[in-house]
Amino acid sequence: MPSQTARRRAARITGTAAIAGFCFGAVPTAASAAAPAVLAAVGQAKPAQVCFVNAYNIDYRYGPGTEYLIAGWVNKGQGFDVVERRGHWSAGHLWGPDYTSFYWIDSQYLNC
């Protein structure tokens, strides 16, 4: 488990507030560009490719296709670390407090 100092450093760079191991209120910032490096330092795998969402109100899903449930929505500028691709779908981790979760976004809405 990462040290408390490492968790605080990752939370500060990703724009989250960490209290007793919980994260609140992720806001993408210019500083979040450094998030993948810091998260890798606290035990997360290094991303295959850093991308950014290029449109507003884009859904991310639990699987590679529209037949999978929508997990949520993201807006232009949101960071997304792609670790897998299937057809025109990209899988990876959204920057922020839920970084360890694995989601899928249609690749046409990503600038990599």
Foldseek 3Di string as FASTA:
>chain_A
DFDPVLVCVLCVQQVWDDDPRATDDGDHDPSVVCNQVSVVVRPDDRFPDKKWFQAFFFFKFPDDDPVGDTPGTDGGGWIFRFRDDDDQKTWAATRDRRRVDIIIGRNVRIDD
